Amino acid sequence: MVACLERMRGSRALPASIVCDNGPEFTSRAKLAWAHERRIYLVFIRPGKPVENAFVEGFNGRLRDECLNEQWFTRLTDAQECIERWLRDYHARRPHSALGWRTPRNFLLRCAAPSLSPDP
């Protein structure tokens, strides 16, 4: 987990806080120390309360139901390629109600370079 966050650090700013569950990958000493050194506040949901992180639980459920459960992977690279295809579709082709029925990609582009005219 820490290695993944460090790779992200090269291409974008680190978040001020991270919401996570109480799994061992999130509560390890390495991650706690990493977050503390970078002044990132870790917010842990209460055990047995996945609704406190509902959007992540929803995303994980869709990934599992629409991608992982639909395939039989014999190689790790096959799984990685399948997940990458699914993510491209999820981010570039699927409008999301929480984003005003925009795709995540279009929403991000609009936030990064807002138009000069106001929304209708």
PDB file of N, CA and C in Angstrom:
ATOM      1  N   MET A   1       0.815  -1.180   0.000  1.00  0.00           N
ATOM      2  CA  MET A   1       0.000   0.000   0.000  1.00  0.00           C
ATOM      3  C   MET A   1       0.869   1.258   0.000  1.00  0.00           C
ATOM      4  N   VAL A   2       1.865   1.286   0.843  1.00  0.00           N
ATOM      5  CA  VAL A   2       2.755   2.450   0.919  1.00  0.00           C
ATOM      6  C   VAL A   2       3.477   2.654  -0.410  1.00  0.00           C
ATOM      7  N   ALA A   3       3.945   1.574  -1.023  1.00  0.00           N
ATOM      8  CA  ALA A   3       4.653   1.684  -2.304  1.00  0.00           C
ATOM      9  C   ALA A   3       3.743   2.279  -3.374  1.00  0.00           C
ATOM     10  N   CYS A   4       2.493   1.874  -3.400  1.00  0.00           N
ATOM     11  CA  CYS A   4       1.532   2.411  -4.373  1.00  0.00           C
ATOM     12  C   CYS A   4       1.318   3.907  -4.145  1.00  0.00           C
ATOM     13  N   LEU A   5       1.147   4.308  -2.915  1.00  0.00           N
ATOM     14  CA  LEU A   5       0.963   5.726  -2.608  1.00  0.00           C
ATOM     15  C   LEU A   5       2.199   6.547  -2.959  1.00  0.00           C
ATOM     16  N   GLU A   6       3.368   5.983  -2.756  1.00  0.00           N
ATOM     17  CA  GLU A   6       4.604   6.689  -3.120  1.00  0.00           C
ATOM     18  C   GLU A   6       4.705   6.874  -4.635  1.00  0.00           C
ATOM     19  N   ARG A   7       4.300   5.866  -5.404  1.00  0.00           N
ATOM     20  CA  ARG A   7       4.314   6.006  -6.872  1.00  0.00           C
ATOM     21  C   ARG A   7       3.369   7.118  -7.304  1.00  0.00           C
ATOM     22  N   MET A   8       2.203   7.208  -6.682  1.00  0.00           N
ATOM     23  CA  MET A   8       1.246   8.263  -7.010  1.00  0.00           C
ATOM     24  C   MET A   8       1.822   9.638  -6.709  1.00  0.00           C
ATOM     25  N   ARG A   9       2.617   9.717  -5.668  1.00  0.00           N
ATOM     26  CA  ARG A   9       3.176  10.994  -5.226  1.00  0.00           C
ATOM     27  C   ARG A   9       3.966  11.688  -6.326  1.00  0.00           C
ATOM     28  N   GLY A  10       4.561  10.930  -7.225  1.00  0.00           N
ATOM     29  CA  GLY A  10       5.330  11.526  -8.300  1.00  0.00           C
ATOM     30  C   GLY A  10       4.486  12.250  -9.329  1.00  0.00           C
ATOM     31  N   SER A  11       3.196  11.884  -9.441  1.00  0.00           N
ATOM     32  CA  SER A  11       2.367  12.465 -10.488  1.00  0.00           C
ATOM     33  C   SER A  11       1.261  13.377  -9.968  1.00  0.00           C
ATOM     34  N   ARG A  12       1.047  13.399  -8.665  1.00  0.00           N
ATOM     35  CA  ARG A  12      -0.012  14.253  -8.117  1.00  0.00           C
ATOM     36  C   ARG A  12       0.258  14.540  -6.651  1.00  0.00           C
ATOM     37  N   ALA A  13      -0.431  15.513  -6.146  1.00  0.00           N
ATOM     38  CA  ALA A  13      -0.275  15.865  -4.731  1.00  0.00           C
ATOM     39  C   ALA A  13      -0.894  14.780  -3.853  1.00  0.00           C
ATOM     40  N   LEU A  14      -0.290  14.558  -2.726  1.00  0.00           N
ATOM     41  CA  LEU A  14      -0.846  13.592  -1.783  1.00  0.00           C
ATOM     42  C   LEU A  14      -2.074  14.192  -1.109  1.00  0.00           C
ATOM     43  N   PRO A  15      -3.031  13.358  -0.731  1.00  0.00           N
ATOM     44  CA  PRO A  15      -4.239  13.880  -0.078  1.00  0.00           C
ATOM     45  C   PRO A  15      -3.949  14.338   1.348  1.00  0.00           C
ATOM     46  N   ALA A  16      -4.812  15.190   1.859  1.00  0.00           N
ATOM     47  CA  ALA A  16      -4.692  15.630   3.249  1.00  0.00           C
ATOM     48  C   ALA A  16      -5.159  14.543   4.206  1.00  0.00           C
ATOM     49  N   SER A  17      -6.085  13.698   3.728  1.00  0.00           N
ATOM     50  CA  SER A  17      -6.585  12.606   4.560  1.00  0.00           C
ATOM     51  C   SER A  17      -6.932  11.416   3.674  1.00  0.00           C
ATOM     52  N   ILE A  18      -6.960  10.245   4.289  1.00  0.00           N
ATOM     53  CA  ILE A  18      -7.327   9.009   3.600  1.00  0.00           C
ATOM     54  C   ILE A  18      -8.311   8.269   4.494  1.00  0.00           C
ATOM     55  N   VAL A  19      -9.475   7.916   3.927  1.00  0.00           N
ATOM     56  CA  VAL A  19     -10.466   7.122   4.650  1.00  0.00           C
ATOM     57  C   VAL A  19     -10.204   5.663   4.324  1.00  0.00           C
ATOM     58  N   CYS A  20     -10.130   4.820   5.342  1.00  0.00           N
ATOM     59  CA  CYS A  20      -9.858   3.404   5.102  1.00  0.00           C
ATOM     60  C   CYS A  20     -10.528   2.540   6.161  1.00  0.00           C
ATOM     61  N   ASP A  21     -10.639   1.263   5.824  1.00  0.00           N
ATOM     62  CA  ASP A  21     -11.192   0.335   6.805  1.00  0.00           C
ATOM     63  C   ASP A  21     -10.074  -0.147   7.719  1.00  0.00           C
ATOM     64  N   ASN A  22     -10.352  -1.138   8.505  1.00  0.00           N
ATOM     65  CA  ASN A  22      -9.395  -1.578   9.514  1.00  0.00           C
ATOM     66  C   ASN A  22      -8.622  -2.820   9.106  1.00  0.00           C
ATOM     67  N   GLY A  23      -8.551  -3.084   7.804  1.00  0.00           N
ATOM     68  CA  GLY A  23      -7.794  -4.229   7.314  1.00  0.00           C
ATOM     69  C   GLY A  23      -6.310  -4.062   7.588  1.00  0.00           C
ATOM     70  N   PRO A  24      -5.580  -5.174   7.637  1.00  0.00           N
ATOM     71  CA  PRO A  24      -4.153  -5.101   7.966  1.00  0.00           C
ATOM     72  C   PRO A  24      -3.337  -4.273   6.978  1.00  0.00           C
ATOM     73  N   GLU A  25      -3.774  -4.210   5.715  1.00  0.00           N
ATOM     74  CA  GLU A  25      -3.034  -3.409   4.741  1.00  0.00           C
ATOM     75  C   GLU A  25      -3.154  -1.919   5.034  1.00  0.00           C
ATOM     76  N   PHE A  26      -4.154  -1.528   5.822  1.00  0.00           N
ATOM     77  CA  PHE A  26      -4.348  -0.120   6.156  1.00  0.00           C
ATOM     78  C   PHE A  26      -3.864   0.239   7.553  1.00  0.00           C
ATOM     79  N   THR A  27      -3.675  -0.744   8.404  1.00  0.00           N
ATOM     80  CA  THR A  27      -3.287  -0.461   9.785  1.00  0.00           C
ATOM     81  C   THR A  27      -1.848  -0.862  10.089  1.00  0.00           C
ATOM     82  N   SER A  28      -1.098  -1.198   9.072  1.00  0.00           N
ATOM     83  CA  SER A  28       0.289  -1.619   9.294  1.00  0.00           C
ATOM     84  C   SER A  28       1.119  -0.465   9.854  1.00  0.00           C
ATOM     85  N   ARG A  29       2.137  -0.813  10.588  1.00  0.00           N
ATOM     86  CA  ARG A  29       3.030   0.214  11.148  1.00  0.00           C
ATOM     87  C   ARG A  29       3.677   1.034  10.043  1.00  0.00           C
ATOM     88  N   ALA A  30       4.004   0.375   8.938  1.00  0.00           N
ATOM     89  CA  ALA A  30       4.640   1.092   7.826  1.00  0.00           C
ATOM     90  C   ALA A  30       3.715   2.171   7.284  1.00  0.00           C
ATOM     91  N   LYS A  31       2.436   1.842   7.095  1.00  0.00           N
ATOM     92  CA  LYS A  31       1.515   2.840   6.563  1.00  0.00           C
ATOM     93  C   LYS A  31       1.257   3.936   7.581  1.00  0.00           C
ATOM     94  N   LEU A  32       1.083   3.569   8.829  1.00  0.00           N
ATOM     95  CA  LEU A  32       0.851   4.583   9.858  1.00  0.00           C
ATOM     96  C   LEU A  32       2.033   5.545   9.949  1.00  0.00           C
ATOM     97  N   ALA A  33       3.250   5.012   9.908  1.00  0.00           N
ATOM     98  CA  ALA A  33       4.451   5.860   9.962  1.00  0.00           C
ATOM     99  C   ALA A  33       4.554   6.721   8.711  1.00  0.00           C
ATOM    100  N   TRP A  34       4.279   6.130   7.548  1.00  0.00           N
ATOM    101  CA  TRP A  34       4.335   6.863   6.287  1.00  0.00           C
ATOM    102  C   TRP A  34       3.377   8.055   6.331  1.00  0.00           C
ATOM    103  N   ALA A  35       2.141   7.809   6.756  1.00  0.00           N
ATOM    104  CA  ALA A  35       1.147   8.884   6.814  1.00  0.00           C
ATOM    105  C   ALA A  35       1.559   9.953   7.827  1.00  0.00           C
ATOM    106  N   HIS A  36       2.047   9.543   8.967  1.00  0.00           N
ATOM    107  CA  HIS A  36       2.463  10.494  10.002  1.00  0.00           C
ATOM    108  C   HIS A  36       3.597  11.389   9.493  1.00  0.00           C
ATOM    109  N   GLU A  37       4.586  10.802   8.831  1.00  0.00           N
ATOM    110  CA  GLU A  37       5.721  11.574   8.310  1.00  0.00           C
ATOM    111  C   GLU A  37       5.284  12.600   7.273  1.00  0.00           C
ATOM    112  N   ARG A  38       4.211  12.309   6.565  1.00  0.00           N
ATOM    113  CA  ARG A  38       3.736  13.209   5.507  1.00  0.00           C
ATOM    114  C   ARG A  38       2.550  14.063   5.953  1.00  0.00           C
ATOM    115  N   ARG A  39       2.222  13.959   7.225  1.00  0.00           N
ATOM    116  CA  ARG A  39       1.111  14.722   7.807  1.00  0.00           C
ATOM    117  C   ARG A  39      -0.208  14.451   7.101  1.00  0.00           C
ATOM    118  N   ILE A  40      -0.436  13.193   6.790  1.00  0.00           N
ATOM    119  CA  ILE A  40      -1.696  12.758   6.190  1.00  0.00           C
ATOM    120  C   ILE A  40      -2.539  12.147   7.300  1.00  0.00           C
ATOM    121  N   TYR A  41      -3.743  12.638   7.439  1.00  0.00           N
ATOM    122  CA  TYR A  41      -4.646  12.177   8.484  1.00  0.00           C
ATOM    123  C   TYR A  41      -5.362  10.918   8.000  1.00  0.00           C
ATOM    124  N   LEU A  42      -5.238   9.832   8.747  1.00  0.00           N
ATOM    125  CA  LEU A  42      -5.922   8.582   8.421  1.00  0.00           C
ATOM    126  C   LEU A  42      -7.235   8.521   9.190  1.00  0.00           C
ATOM    127  N   VAL A  43      -8.324   8.333   8.459  1.00  0.00           N
ATOM    128  CA  VAL A  43      -9.655   8.234   9.050  1.00  0.00           C
ATOM    129  C   VAL A  43     -10.096   6.784   8.911  1.00  0.00           C
ATOM    130  N   PHE A  44     -10.258   6.097  10.018  1.00  0.00           N
ATOM    131  CA  PHE A  44     -10.667   4.694   9.992  1.00  0.00           C
ATOM    132  C   PHE A  44     -12.164   4.591  10.237  1.00  0.00           C
ATOM    133  N   ILE A  45     -12.857   3.869   9.345  1.00  0.00           N
ATOM    134  CA  ILE A  45     -14.278   3.643   9.570  1.00  0.00           C
ATOM    135  C   ILE A  45     -14.425   2.676  10.741  1.00  0.00           C
ATOM    136  N   ARG A  46     -15.583   2.692  11.354  1.00  0.00           N
ATOM    137  CA  ARG A  46     -15.821   1.797  12.482  1.00  0.00           C
ATOM    138  C   ARG A  46     -15.902   0.355  11.985  1.00  0.00           C
ATOM    139  N   PRO A  47     -15.341  -0.580  12.735  1.00  0.00           N
ATOM    140  CA  PRO A  47     -15.417  -1.994  12.335  1.00  0.00           C
ATOM    141  C   PRO A  47     -16.873  -2.428  12.135  1.00  0.00           C
ATOM    142  N   GLY A  48     -17.106  -3.152  11.043  1.00  0.00           N
ATOM    143  CA  GLY A  48     -18.449  -3.644  10.745  1.00  0.00           C
ATOM    144  C   GLY A  48     -19.392  -2.596  10.200  1.00  0.00           C
ATOM    145  N   LYS A  49     -18.880  -1.438   9.781  1.00  0.00           N
ATOM    146  CA  LYS A  49     -19.713  -0.346   9.262  1.00  0.00           C
ATOM    147  C   LYS A  49     -19.272   0.058   7.858  1.00  0.00           C
ATOM    148  N   PRO A  50     -19.374  -0.846   6.873  1.00  0.00           N
ATOM    149  CA  PRO A  50     -18.921  -0.502   5.526  1.00  0.00           C
ATOM    150  C   PRO A  50     -19.690   0.663   4.905  1.00  0.00           C
ATOM    151  N   VAL A  51     -20.889   0.973   5.418  1.00  0.00           N
ATOM    152  CA  VAL A  51     -21.636   2.101   4.864  1.00  0.00           C
ATOM    153  C   VAL A  51     -20.924   3.425   5.102  1.00  0.00           C
ATOM    154  N   GLU A  52     -19.989   3.463   6.049  1.00  0.00           N
ATOM    155  CA  GLU A  52     -19.226   4.687   6.280  1.00  0.00           C
ATOM    156  C   GLU A  52     -18.230   4.948   5.152  1.00  0.00           C
ATOM    157  N   ASN A  53     -18.048   3.987   4.284  1.00  0.00           N
ATOM    158  CA  ASN A  53     -17.167   4.122   3.124  1.00  0.00           C
ATOM    159  C   ASN A  53     -17.912   3.570   1.906  1.00  0.00           C
ATOM    160  N   ALA A  54     -19.180   3.952   1.790  1.00  0.00           N
ATOM    161  CA  ALA A  54     -20.092   3.333   0.830  1.00  0.00           C
ATOM    162  C   ALA A  54     -19.633   3.453  -0.619  1.00  0.00           C
ATOM    163  N   PHE A  55     -19.082   4.601  -1.017  1.00  0.00           N
ATOM    164  CA  PHE A  55     -18.706   4.737  -2.424  1.00  0.00           C
ATOM    165  C   PHE A  55     -17.591   3.771  -2.792  1.00  0.00           C
ATOM    166  N   VAL A  56     -16.668   3.507  -1.877  1.00  0.00           N
ATOM    167  CA  VAL A  56     -15.601   2.541  -2.152  1.00  0.00           C
ATOM    168  C   VAL A  56     -16.170   1.130  -2.176  1.00  0.00           C
ATOM    169  N   GLU A  57     -17.053   0.829  -1.230  1.00  0.00           N
ATOM    170  CA  GLU A  57     -17.678  -0.493  -1.203  1.00  0.00           C
ATOM    171  C   GLU A  57     -18.487  -0.720  -2.482  1.00  0.00           C
ATOM    172  N   GLY A  58     -19.180   0.316  -2.955  1.00  0.00           N
ATOM    173  CA  GLY A  58     -19.942   0.206  -4.200  1.00  0.00           C
ATOM    174  C   GLY A  58     -19.036  -0.037  -5.398  1.00  0.00           C
ATOM    175  N   PHE A  59     -17.944   0.713  -5.465  1.00  0.00           N
ATOM    176  CA  PHE A  59     -16.980   0.530  -6.551  1.00  0.00           C
ATOM    177  C   PHE A  59     -16.410  -0.886  -6.526  1.00  0.00           C
ATOM    178  N   ASN A  60     -15.988  -1.334  -5.343  1.00  0.00           N
ATOM    179  CA  ASN A  60     -15.421  -2.684  -5.232  1.00  0.00           C
ATOM    180  C   ASN A  60     -16.428  -3.749  -5.648  1.00  0.00           C
ATOM    181  N   GLY A  61     -17.693  -3.561  -5.280  1.00  0.00           N
ATOM    182  CA  GLY A  61     -18.735  -4.510  -5.677  1.00  0.00           C
ATOM    183  C   GLY A  61     -18.926  -4.550  -7.181  1.00  0.00           C
ATOM    184  N   ARG A  62     -18.939  -3.381  -7.825  1.00  0.00           N
ATOM    185  CA  ARG A  62     -19.074  -3.345  -9.289  1.00  0.00           C
ATOM    186  C   ARG A  62     -17.876  -3.995  -9.969  1.00  0.00           C
ATOM    187  N   LEU A  63     -16.677  -3.684  -9.498  1.00  0.00           N
ATOM    188  CA  LEU A  63     -15.475  -4.300 -10.069  1.00  0.00           C
ATOM    189  C   LEU A  63     -15.550  -5.819  -9.954  1.00  0.00           C
ATOM    190  N   ARG A  64     -15.925  -6.295  -8.795  1.00  0.00           N
ATOM    191  CA  ARG A  64     -16.020  -7.739  -8.575  1.00  0.00           C
ATOM    192  C   ARG A  64     -17.102  -8.361  -9.470  1.00  0.00           C
ATOM    193  N   ASP A  65     -18.317  -7.765  -9.478  1.00  0.00           N
ATOM    194  CA  ASP A  65     -19.434  -8.353 -10.218  1.00  0.00           C
ATOM    195  C   ASP A  65     -19.276  -8.256 -11.728  1.00  0.00           C
ATOM    196  N   GLU A  66     -18.764  -7.135 -12.219  1.00  0.00           N
ATOM    197  CA  GLU A  66     -18.711  -6.898 -13.658  1.00  0.00           C
ATOM    198  C   GLU A  66     -17.407  -7.328 -14.310  1.00  0.00           C
ATOM    199  N   CYS A  67     -16.379  -7.539 -13.524  1.00  0.00           N
ATOM    200  CA  CYS A  67     -15.074  -7.859 -14.097  1.00  0.00           C
ATOM    201  C   CYS A  67     -14.519  -9.158 -13.531  1.00  0.00           C
ATOM    202  N   LEU A  68     -14.236  -9.167 -12.257  1.00  0.00           N
ATOM    203  CA  LEU A  68     -13.520 -10.302 -11.667  1.00  0.00           C
ATOM    204  C   LEU A  68     -14.336 -11.589 -11.656  1.00  0.00           C
ATOM    205  N   ASN A  69     -15.629 -11.507 -11.334  1.00  0.00           N
ATOM    206  CA  ASN A  69     -16.453 -12.716 -11.285  1.00  0.00           C
ATOM    207  C   ASN A  69     -16.836 -13.233 -12.667  1.00  0.00           C
ATOM    208  N   GLU A  70     -16.624 -12.443 -13.690  1.00  0.00           N
ATOM    209  CA  GLU A  70     -16.988 -12.832 -15.055  1.00  0.00           C
ATOM    210  C   GLU A  70     -15.877 -13.586 -15.768  1.00  0.00           C
ATOM    211  N   GLN A  71     -14.713 -13.655 -15.178  1.00  0.00           N
ATOM    212  CA  GLN A  71     -13.544 -14.230 -15.846  1.00  0.00           C
ATOM    213  C   GLN A  71     -12.941 -15.356 -15.016  1.00  0.00           C
ATOM    214  N   TRP A  72     -12.205 -16.207 -15.687  1.00  0.00           N
ATOM    215  CA  TRP A  72     -11.391 -17.213 -15.017  1.00  0.00           C
ATOM    216  C   TRP A  72      -9.955 -16.911 -15.411  1.00  0.00           C
ATOM    217  N   PHE A  73      -9.178 -16.396 -14.487  1.00  0.00           N
ATOM    218  CA  PHE A  73      -7.819 -15.977 -14.783  1.00  0.00           C
ATOM    219  C   PHE A  73      -6.846 -17.104 -14.476  1.00  0.00           C
ATOM    220  N   THR A  74      -5.952 -17.356 -15.416  1.00  0.00           N
ATOM    221  CA  THR A  74      -4.901 -18.353 -15.183  1.00  0.00           C
ATOM    222  C   THR A  74      -3.541 -17.693 -14.985  1.00  0.00           C
ATOM    223  N   ARG A  75      -3.456 -16.411 -15.341  1.00  0.00           N
ATOM    224  CA  ARG A  75      -2.204 -15.670 -15.154  1.00  0.00           C
ATOM    225  C   ARG A  75      -2.514 -14.304 -14.559  1.00  0.00           C
ATOM    226  N   LEU A  76      -1.611 -13.825 -13.750  1.00  0.00           N
ATOM    227  CA  LEU A  76      -1.771 -12.510 -13.137  1.00  0.00           C
ATOM    228  C   LEU A  76      -1.883 -11.426 -14.204  1.00  0.00           C
ATOM    229  N   THR A  77      -1.113 -11.541 -15.272  1.00  0.00           N
ATOM    230  CA  THR A  77      -1.167 -10.522 -16.331  1.00  0.00           C
ATOM    231  C   THR A  77      -2.540 -10.483 -16.989  1.00  0.00           C
ATOM    232  N   ASP A  78      -3.216 -11.630 -17.098  1.00  0.00           N
ATOM    233  CA  ASP A  78      -4.577 -11.641 -17.651  1.00  0.00           C
ATOM    234  C   ASP A  78      -5.524 -10.836 -16.759  1.00  0.00           C
ATOM    235  N   ALA A  79      -5.407 -11.022 -15.459  1.00  0.00           N
ATOM    236  CA  ALA A  79      -6.246 -10.273 -14.517  1.00  0.00           C
ATOM    237  C   ALA A  79      -5.938  -8.778 -14.602  1.00  0.00           C
ATOM    238  N   GLN A  80      -4.668  -8.423 -14.660  1.00  0.00           N
ATOM    239  CA  GLN A  80      -4.285  -7.012 -14.735  1.00  0.00           C
ATOM    240  C   GLN A  80      -4.834  -6.362 -15.996  1.00  0.00           C
ATOM    241  N   GLU A  81      -4.744  -7.049 -17.128  1.00  0.00           N
ATOM    242  CA  GLU A  81      -5.256  -6.501 -18.388  1.00  0.00           C
ATOM    243  C   GLU A  81      -6.768  -6.341 -18.344  1.00  0.00           C
ATOM    244  N   CYS A  82      -7.459  -7.317 -17.778  1.00  0.00           N
ATOM    245  CA  CYS A  82      -8.913  -7.247 -17.667  1.00  0.00           C
ATOM    246  C   CYS A  82      -9.332  -6.072 -16.786  1.00  0.00           C
ATOM    247  N   ILE A  83      -8.671  -5.912 -15.668  1.00  0.00           N
ATOM    248  CA  ILE A  83      -8.988  -4.812 -14.754  1.00  0.00           C
ATOM    249  C   ILE A  83      -8.694  -3.470 -15.413  1.00  0.00           C
ATOM    250  N   GLU A  84      -7.589  -3.371 -16.132  1.00  0.00           N
ATOM    251  CA  GLU A  84      -7.266  -2.116 -16.827  1.00  0.00           C
ATOM    252  C   GLU A  84      -8.327  -1.769 -17.861  1.00  0.00           C
ATOM    253  N   ARG A  85      -8.812  -2.754 -18.621  1.00  0.00           N
ATOM    254  CA  ARG A  85      -9.887  -2.501 -19.600  1.00  0.00           C
ATOM    255  C   ARG A  85     -11.156  -2.031 -18.894  1.00  0.00           C
ATOM    256  N   TRP A  86     -11.503  -2.714 -17.809  1.00  0.00           N
ATOM    257  CA  TRP A  86     -12.708  -2.359 -17.065  1.00  0.00           C
ATOM    258  C   TRP A  86     -12.589  -0.939 -16.517  1.00  0.00           C
ATOM    259  N   LEU A  87     -11.427  -0.596 -15.970  1.00  0.00           N
ATOM    260  CA  LEU A  87     -11.226   0.752 -15.428  1.00  0.00           C
ATOM    261  C   LEU A  87     -11.308   1.823 -16.511  1.00  0.00           C
ATOM    262  N   ARG A  88     -10.746   1.551 -17.688  1.00  0.00           N
ATOM    263  CA  ARG A  88     -10.845   2.525 -18.790  1.00  0.00           C
ATOM    264  C   ARG A  88     -12.307   2.780 -19.124  1.00  0.00           C
ATOM    265  N   ASP A  89     -13.093   1.714 -19.210  1.00  0.00           N
ATOM    266  CA  ASP A  89     -14.518   1.861 -19.493  1.00  0.00           C
ATOM    267  C   ASP A  89     -15.214   2.616 -18.364  1.00  0.00           C
ATOM    268  N   TYR A  90     -14.914   2.248 -17.141  1.00  0.00           N
ATOM    269  CA  TYR A  90     -15.550   2.863 -15.971  1.00  0.00           C
ATOM    270  C   TYR A  90     -15.270   4.367 -15.920  1.00  0.00           C
ATOM    271  N   HIS A  91     -14.054   4.769 -16.217  1.00  0.00           N
ATOM    272  CA  HIS A  91     -13.677   6.180 -16.118  1.00  0.00           C
ATOM    273  C   HIS A  91     -14.018   6.998 -17.359  1.00  0.00           C
ATOM    274  N   ALA A  92     -14.007   6.385 -18.527  1.00  0.00           N
ATOM    275  CA  ALA A  92     -14.154   7.162 -19.761  1.00  0.00           C
ATOM    276  C   ALA A  92     -15.525   7.056 -20.417  1.00  0.00           C
ATOM    277  N   ARG A  93     -16.285   6.000 -20.139  1.00  0.00           N
ATOM    278  CA  ARG A  93     -17.531   5.799 -20.885  1.00  0.00           C
ATOM    279  C   ARG A  93     -18.791   5.785 -20.030  1.00  0.00           C
ATOM    280  N   ARG A  94     -18.660   5.685 -18.721  1.00  0.00           N
ATOM    281  CA  ARG A  94     -19.833   5.550 -17.856  1.00  0.00           C
ATOM    282  C   ARG A  94     -20.144   6.844 -17.122  1.00  0.00           C
ATOM    283  N   PRO A  95     -21.289   7.443 -17.412  1.00  0.00           N
ATOM    284  CA  PRO A  95     -21.674   8.618 -16.631  1.00  0.00           C
ATOM    285  C   PRO A  95     -22.071   8.202 -15.210  1.00  0.00           C
ATOM    286  N   HIS A  96     -21.791   9.058 -14.248  1.00  0.00           N
ATOM    287  CA  HIS A  96     -22.088   8.781 -12.846  1.00  0.00           C
ATOM    288  C   HIS A  96     -23.041   9.850 -12.317  1.00  0.00           C
ATOM    289  N   SER A  97     -24.082   9.425 -11.641  1.00  0.00           N
ATOM    290  CA  SER A  97     -25.063  10.375 -11.113  1.00  0.00           C
ATOM    291  C   SER A  97     -24.421  11.367 -10.145  1.00  0.00           C
ATOM    292  N   ALA A  98     -23.474  10.912  -9.330  1.00  0.00           N
ATOM    293  CA  ALA A  98     -22.827  11.795  -8.354  1.00  0.00           C
ATOM    294  C   ALA A  98     -21.981  12.875  -9.023  1.00  0.00           C
ATOM    295  N   LEU A  99     -21.674  12.704 -10.301  1.00  0.00           N
ATOM    296  CA  LEU A  99     -20.858  13.677 -11.036  1.00  0.00           C
ATOM    297  C   LEU A  99     -21.705  14.456 -12.037  1.00  0.00           C
ATOM    298  N   GLY A 100     -23.003  14.545 -11.778  1.00  0.00           N
ATOM    299  CA  GLY A 100     -23.889  15.262 -12.685  1.00  0.00           C
ATOM    300  C   GLY A 100     -24.036  14.550 -14.016  1.00  0.00           C
ATOM    301  N   TRP A 101     -24.028  13.238 -13.991  1.00  0.00           N
ATOM    302  CA  TRP A 101     -24.139  12.374 -15.172  1.00  0.00           C
ATOM    303  C   TRP A 101     -23.015  12.604 -16.172  1.00  0.00           C
ATOM    304  N   ARG A 102     -21.845  12.956 -15.643  1.00  0.00           N
ATOM    305  CA  ARG A 102     -20.631  13.026 -16.467  1.00  0.00           C
ATOM    306  C   ARG A 102     -19.801  11.785 -16.183  1.00  0.00           C
ATOM    307  N   THR A 103     -18.910  11.473 -17.108  1.00  0.00           N
ATOM    308  CA  THR A 103     -17.956  10.402 -16.829  1.00  0.00           C
ATOM    309  C   THR A 103     -16.900  10.955 -15.874  1.00  0.00           C
ATOM    310  N   PRO A 104     -16.245  10.099 -15.095  1.00  0.00           N
ATOM    311  CA  PRO A 104     -15.181  10.604 -14.223  1.00  0.00           C
ATOM    312  C   PRO A 104     -14.102  11.355 -15.000  1.00  0.00           C
ATOM    313  N   ARG A 105     -13.772  10.862 -16.184  1.00  0.00           N
ATOM    314  CA  ARG A 105     -12.744  11.537 -16.985  1.00  0.00           C
ATOM    315  C   ARG A 105     -13.184  12.946 -17.378  1.00  0.00           C
ATOM    316  N   ASN A 106     -14.423  13.076 -17.865  1.00  0.00           N
ATOM    317  CA  ASN A 106     -14.916  14.400 -18.248  1.00  0.00           C
ATOM    318  C   ASN A 106     -15.038  15.323 -17.044  1.00  0.00           C
ATOM    319  N   PHE A 107     -15.452  14.778 -15.920  1.00  0.00           N
ATOM    320  CA  PHE A 107     -15.546  15.576 -14.701  1.00  0.00           C
ATOM    321  C   PHE A 107     -14.176  16.107 -14.299  1.00  0.00           C
ATOM    322  N   LEU A 108     -13.175  15.240 -14.331  1.00  0.00           N
ATOM    323  CA  LEU A 108     -11.816  15.649 -13.972  1.00  0.00           C
ATOM    324  C   LEU A 108     -11.291  16.705 -14.939  1.00  0.00           C
ATOM    325  N   LEU A 109     -11.500  16.500 -16.228  1.00  0.00           N
ATOM    326  CA  LEU A 109     -11.038  17.480 -17.210  1.00  0.00           C
ATOM    327  C   LEU A 109     -11.719  18.821 -17.013  1.00  0.00           C
ATOM    328  N   ARG A 110     -12.983  18.790 -16.690  1.00  0.00           N
ATOM    329  CA  ARG A 110     -13.710  20.045 -16.471  1.00  0.00           C
ATOM    330  C   ARG A 110     -13.196  20.762 -15.220  1.00  0.00           C
ATOM    331  N   CYS A 111     -12.866  19.996 -14.186  1.00  0.00           N
ATOM    332  CA  CYS A 111     -12.328  20.601 -12.956  1.00  0.00           C
ATOM    333  C   CYS A 111     -10.925  21.152 -13.187  1.00  0.00           C
ATOM    334  N   ALA A 112     -10.146  20.457 -14.003  1.00  0.00           N
ATOM    335  CA  ALA A 112      -8.766  20.876 -14.251  1.00  0.00           C
ATOM    336  C   ALA A 112      -8.708  22.118 -15.132  1.00  0.00           C
ATOM    337  N   ALA A 113      -9.659  22.255 -16.044  1.00  0.00           N
ATOM    338  CA  ALA A 113      -9.681  23.395 -16.961  1.00  0.00           C
ATOM    339  C   ALA A 113     -11.117  23.891 -17.089  1.00  0.00           C
ATOM    340  N   PRO A 114     -11.625  24.596 -16.078  1.00  0.00           N
ATOM    341  CA  PRO A 114     -13.019  25.043 -16.127  1.00  0.00           C
ATOM    342  C   PRO A 114     -13.256  26.008 -17.282  1.00  0.00           C
ATOM    343  N   SER A 115     -14.451  25.923 -17.837  1.00  0.00           N
ATOM    344  CA  SER A 115     -14.801  26.809 -18.947  1.00  0.00           C
ATOM    345  C   SER A 115     -14.993  28.230 -18.428  1.00  0.00           C
ATOM    346  N   LEU A 116     -14.915  29.176 -19.318  1.00  0.00           N
ATOM    347  CA  LEU A 116     -15.087  30.570 -18.940  1.00  0.00           C
ATOM    348  C   LEU A 116     -16.549  30.935 -18.777  1.00  0.00           C
ATOM    349  N   SER A 117     -17.437  30.161 -19.402  1.00  0.00           N
ATOM    350  CA  SER A 117     -18.861  30.454 -19.271  1.00  0.00           C
ATOM    351  C   SER A 117     -19.461  29.604 -18.156  1.00  0.00           C
ATOM    352  N   PRO A 118     -20.420  30.160 -17.419  1.00  0.00           N
ATOM    353  CA  PRO A 118     -21.033  29.401 -16.329  1.00  0.00           C
ATOM    354  C   PRO A 118     -21.895  28.265 -16.862  1.00  0.00           C
ATOM    355  N   ASP A 119     -22.094  27.248 -16.017  1.00  0.00           N
ATOM    356  CA  ASP A 119     -22.983  26.148 -16.390  1.00  0.00           C
ATOM    357  C   ASP A 119     -24.398  26.672 -16.535  1.00  0.00           C
ATOM    358  N   PRO A 120     -25.170  26.077 -17.452  1.00  0.00           N
ATOM    359  CA  PRO A 120     -26.574  26.514 -17.603  1.00  0.00           C
ATOM    360  C   PRO A 120     -27.405  26.128 -16.402  1.00  0.00           C
TER     361      PRO A 120
END
